[in-house]
Amino acid sequence: MPRSSQISTPGSSARKSSKSRRIPTPSSGSAKRKSNVPKKKSPVQPPRTHVRPGAKTMQEIRKMQTSSKLCIRKLPFSRLVREIQYNINPRVTCWQSIAIQALHEAAEAYLVRFLEDCNLAAKFTKRVTVMAQDTQFVRIMRLRNGIE
């Protein structure tokens, strides 16, 4: 098969070297000279505004309450489901994405409801922070009422 002639394009030509190009060395005077151009000053930063404690937290809570997306990420939840399933039965390895999605939504709904009840238990004892005793109390109450 004969070779086709190569057509040179403007960007593909070889670079010509120039012998007259000088590179400044530390011994030459041009490397030691300072430029007469004044350095630019950094831009003036606006003064910091005071944000009340808990305002950022409340903003995050409002954002979570208005959104309909899930809080737990999909891939870590999928890995957790597969790990638990492997501990129960290592022969089954395939999962449909719809099945994992259904488990994901159910688990998140359960956790959100559980934490809401824990928060109510903490408020009842006139606290803001949810503690381990609140979670234990909610579990006991749910078992007695047959919710779990």
Protein backbone atom coordinates (compact mmCIF):
# COMPACT_ATOMS: atom_id res chain seq x y z
CA MET A 1 0.00 0.00 0.00
CA PRO A 2 1.59 3.32 -1.00
CA ARG A 3 2.12 5.99 1.58
CA SER A 4 0.02 9.06 1.33
CA SER A 5 1.79 12.39 1.35
CA GLN A 6 1.62 14.25 4.62
CA ILE A 7 0.23 17.75 4.52
CA SER A 8 1.67 20.13 7.05
CA THR A 9 -0.81 22.14 9.03
CA PRO A 10 -0.02 25.46 10.69
CA GLY A 11 0.16 23.94 14.19
CA SER A 12 2.06 20.78 13.27
CA SER A 13 5.29 22.26 11.92
CA ALA A 14 8.48 21.80 13.90
CA ARG A 15 9.58 24.66 16.09
CA LYS A 16 12.56 26.60 14.87
CA SER A 17 15.29 27.22 17.38
CA SER A 18 16.78 30.63 17.81
CA LYS A 19 20.42 30.81 18.78
CA SER A 20 20.16 34.37 20.01
CA ARG A 21 17.87 33.50 22.93
CA ARG A 22 19.46 34.45 26.27
CA ILE A 23 18.60 32.84 29.57
CA PRO A 24 19.27 35.13 32.53
CA THR A 25 21.71 33.67 35.01
CA PRO A 26 22.17 34.71 38.63
CA SER A 27 25.47 36.38 37.74
CA SER A 28 23.90 38.62 35.10
CA GLY A 29 22.37 41.90 36.17
CA SER A 30 18.98 41.27 34.58
CA ALA A 31 18.10 38.49 37.02
CA LYS A 32 18.84 40.68 40.06
CA ARG A 33 16.80 43.69 38.97
CA LYS A 34 13.50 44.32 40.66
CA SER A 35 10.56 45.46 38.64
CA ASN A 36 9.37 49.01 39.16
CA VAL A 37 5.73 47.92 39.03
CA PRO A 38 4.18 48.20 42.49
CA LYS A 39 2.68 45.01 43.88
CA LYS A 40 -1.08 44.84 44.07
CA LYS A 41 -2.53 44.99 47.53
CA SER A 42 -4.87 42.23 48.60
CA PRO A 43 -8.54 43.15 48.30
CA VAL A 44 -10.14 44.50 51.42
CA GLN A 45 -12.20 41.78 53.09
CA PRO A 46 -15.62 42.74 54.40
CA PRO A 47 -15.99 42.66 58.17
CA ARG A 48 -17.21 39.39 59.64
CA THR A 49 -20.86 39.30 60.54
CA HIS A 50 -21.97 37.73 63.79
CA VAL A 51 -24.05 34.59 63.39
CA ARG A 52 -26.12 33.47 66.34
CA PRO A 53 -25.30 30.07 67.83
CA GLY A 54 -27.50 27.36 66.38
CA ALA A 55 -28.55 29.40 63.33
CA LYS A 56 -26.57 27.20 60.95
CA THR A 57 -28.00 24.07 62.55
CA MET A 58 -31.54 25.37 62.22
CA GLN A 59 -30.87 26.24 58.58
CA GLU A 60 -29.70 22.66 57.93
CA ILE A 61 -32.75 21.24 59.71
CA ARG A 62 -35.12 23.39 57.63
CA LYS A 63 -33.31 22.35 54.45
CA MET A 64 -33.63 18.65 55.36
CA GLN A 65 -37.31 19.01 56.27
CA THR A 66 -38.24 20.71 53.01
CA SER A 67 -36.29 18.35 50.74
CA SER A 68 -37.63 14.96 49.75
CA LYS A 69 -34.29 13.32 49.02
CA LEU A 70 -32.86 10.62 51.24
CA CYS A 71 -30.32 11.47 53.95
CA ILE A 72 -28.28 8.27 53.72
CA ARG A 73 -26.23 7.94 50.54
CA LYS A 74 -27.14 5.16 48.13
CA LEU A 75 -23.81 3.39 47.68
CA PRO A 76 -22.88 3.01 51.37
CA PHE A 77 -26.40 1.77 52.12
CA SER A 78 -26.19 -0.72 49.26
CA ARG A 79 -22.86 -2.02 50.59
CA LEU A 80 -24.37 -2.38 54.06
CA VAL A 81 -27.35 -4.34 52.70
CA ARG A 82 -25.09 -6.64 50.70
CA GLU A 83 -22.80 -7.20 53.69
CA ILE A 84 -25.71 -8.12 55.98
CA GLN A 85 -27.18 -10.36 53.29
CA TYR A 86 -23.80 -12.08 52.77
CA ASN A 87 -23.58 -12.83 56.51
CA ILE A 88 -27.03 -14.45 56.37
CA ASN A 89 -26.67 -16.35 53.08
CA PRO A 90 -23.41 -16.09 51.07
CA ARG A 91 -24.88 -17.89 48.03
CA VAL A 92 -27.26 -15.07 47.10
CA THR A 93 -25.32 -12.17 45.59
CA CYS A 94 -27.70 -10.40 43.20
CA TRP A 95 -30.04 -7.60 44.25
CA GLN A 96 -32.48 -5.65 42.15
CA SER A 97 -31.99 -1.92 42.42
CA ILE A 98 -35.69 -1.45 43.20
CA ALA A 99 -35.40 -3.83 46.16
CA ILE A 100 -32.45 -1.92 47.60
CA GLN A 101 -34.29 1.36 47.02
CA ALA A 102 -37.36 0.05 48.87
CA LEU A 103 -35.19 -1.08 51.79
CA HIS A 104 -33.44 2.28 51.74
CA GLU A 105 -36.65 4.28 51.99
CA ALA A 106 -38.10 2.01 54.68
CA ALA A 107 -34.92 2.13 56.78
CA GLU A 108 -34.70 5.88 56.51
CA ALA A 109 -38.37 6.35 57.42
CA TYR A 110 -37.89 4.12 60.47
CA LEU A 111 -34.77 6.00 61.59
CA VAL A 112 -36.37 9.42 61.14
CA ARG A 113 -39.45 8.39 63.13
CA PHE A 114 -37.29 6.78 65.83
CA LEU A 115 -35.16 9.91 66.21
CA GLU A 116 -38.28 12.10 66.32
CA ASP A 117 -39.55 10.02 69.23
CA CYS A 118 -36.14 10.24 70.93
CA ASN A 119 -36.24 14.00 70.54
CA LEU A 120 -39.70 14.10 72.15
CA ALA A 121 -38.41 12.02 75.06
CA ALA A 122 -35.51 14.44 75.51
CA LYS A 123 -37.88 17.43 75.42
CA PHE A 124 -40.10 15.78 78.02
CA THR A 125 -37.14 15.67 80.42
CA LYS A 126 -36.43 19.35 79.59
CA ARG A 127 -33.26 18.64 77.63
CA VAL A 128 -32.22 19.55 74.13
CA THR A 129 -29.66 16.81 73.60
CA VAL A 130 -30.78 13.28 72.75
CA MET A 131 -29.02 10.80 75.04
CA ALA A 132 -28.71 7.02 75.10
CA GLN A 133 -31.36 6.78 77.81
CA ASP A 134 -33.84 8.44 75.44
CA THR A 135 -33.24 5.81 72.77
CA GLN A 136 -33.64 3.03 75.33
CA PHE A 137 -36.86 4.59 76.61
CA VAL A 138 -38.30 4.86 73.08
CA ARG A 139 -37.41 1.24 72.30
CA ILE A 140 -39.08 0.03 75.50
CA MET A 141 -42.21 2.09 74.81
CA ARG A 142 -42.43 0.80 71.24
CA LEU A 143 -42.04 -2.81 72.36
CA ARG A 144 -44.77 -2.39 74.97
CA ASN A 145 -47.13 -0.81 72.47
CA GLY A 146 -46.35 -3.40 69.80
CA ILE A 147 -45.01 -0.90 67.28
CA GLU A 148 -41.71 -2.65 66.58
